[in-house]
Amino acid sequence: MTAEAMAEREGKVLLGWLRLLGWTVVIERNGGTWSGSARRPAPAGEVTHIDGSAASQRELVTELFRTAIRGLAPQPA
């Protein structure tokens, strides 16, 4: 598997995880830049919203994923 194919696969995996965690993700290409946002319902009827942009779709997905994970509070088992 080429490095490019692996990066694309990893991006799809991260998008899958975001969706499993309840995020709605929108990604668009604007010329040479990728931009995107993710939203997730929060307690008390609020919505958590994150935005990002990057030179590649993979970089953007990674940025959105890292930002989303940082915002998660630990949940008791």
Protein backbone atom coordinates (compact mmCIF):
# COMPACT_ATOMS: atom_id res chain seq x y z
CA MET A 1 0.00 0.00 0.00
CA THR A 2 1.41 3.39 -0.95
CA ALA A 3 1.90 6.20 1.56
CA GLU A 4 -0.81 8.22 -0.19
CA ALA A 5 -3.29 5.35 0.03
CA MET A 6 -2.45 4.83 3.71
CA ALA A 7 -2.97 8.53 4.48
CA GLU A 8 -6.36 8.47 2.73
CA ARG A 9 -7.36 5.35 4.67
CA GLU A 10 -6.27 6.89 7.97
CA GLY A 11 -8.32 10.00 7.19
CA LYS A 12 -11.40 7.85 6.59
CA VAL A 13 -10.81 6.03 9.87
CA LEU A 14 -10.57 9.32 11.81
CA LEU A 15 -13.75 10.59 10.13
CA GLY A 16 -15.45 7.36 11.15
CA TRP A 17 -14.39 7.85 14.76
CA LEU A 18 -15.63 11.43 14.78
CA ARG A 19 -19.02 10.26 13.53
CA LEU A 20 -19.13 7.44 16.10
CA LEU A 21 -18.46 10.04 18.81
CA GLY A 22 -21.50 12.00 17.64
CA TRP A 23 -19.88 14.67 15.46
CA THR A 24 -21.39 15.86 12.19
CA VAL A 25 -18.52 16.72 9.86
CA VAL A 26 -18.58 18.92 6.74
CA ILE A 27 -15.46 19.21 4.56
CA GLU A 28 -14.99 21.36 1.47
CA ARG A 29 -12.15 22.13 -0.89
CA ASN A 30 -11.55 25.83 -1.63
CA GLY A 31 -8.88 26.04 -4.31
CA GLY A 32 -5.71 24.61 -2.79
CA THR A 33 -7.04 24.62 0.76
CA TRP A 34 -9.37 22.23 2.56
CA SER A 35 -11.71 23.66 5.18
CA GLY A 36 -14.16 21.95 7.45
CA SER A 37 -16.27 22.09 10.53
CA ALA A 38 -17.66 19.61 13.00
CA ARG A 39 -20.65 19.95 15.33
CA ARG A 40 -21.80 17.87 18.25
CA PRO A 41 -24.71 18.26 20.65
CA ALA A 42 -23.55 19.26 24.12
CA PRO A 43 -25.29 19.15 27.49
CA ALA A 44 -28.08 21.65 28.17
CA GLY A 45 -29.07 21.84 24.48
CA GLU A 46 -25.90 23.60 23.39
CA VAL A 47 -23.83 22.65 20.34
CA THR A 48 -20.06 22.26 20.33
CA HIS A 49 -18.57 23.58 17.09
CA ILE A 50 -15.01 23.36 15.78
CA ASP A 51 -13.49 24.66 12.54
CA GLY A 52 -10.25 24.02 10.74
CA SER A 53 -8.34 24.36 7.50
CA ALA A 54 -5.27 22.70 6.03
CA ALA A 55 -3.38 22.10 2.80
CA SER A 56 -4.66 18.51 2.52
CA GLN A 57 -7.83 16.70 3.47
CA ARG A 58 -5.87 14.29 5.68
CA GLU A 59 -4.29 17.17 7.61
CA LEU A 60 -7.70 18.79 8.07
CA VAL A 61 -9.30 15.59 9.36
CA THR A 62 -6.41 15.10 11.78
CA GLU A 63 -6.78 18.69 13.04
CA LEU A 64 -10.54 18.32 13.56
CA PHE A 65 -10.06 14.95 15.30
CA ARG A 66 -7.38 16.25 17.68
CA THR A 67 -9.45 19.32 18.57
CA ALA A 68 -12.55 17.18 19.15
CA ILE A 69 -10.68 14.70 21.37
CA ARG A 70 -9.15 17.50 23.47
CA GLY A 71 -12.66 18.70 24.26
CA LEU A 72 -13.90 15.34 25.53
CA ALA A 73 -14.32 14.95 29.27
CA PRO A 74 -13.42 11.58 30.79
CA GLN A 75 -16.51 9.41 31.30
CA PRO A 76 -16.79 6.90 34.15
CA ALA A 77 -17.12 3.30 33.00
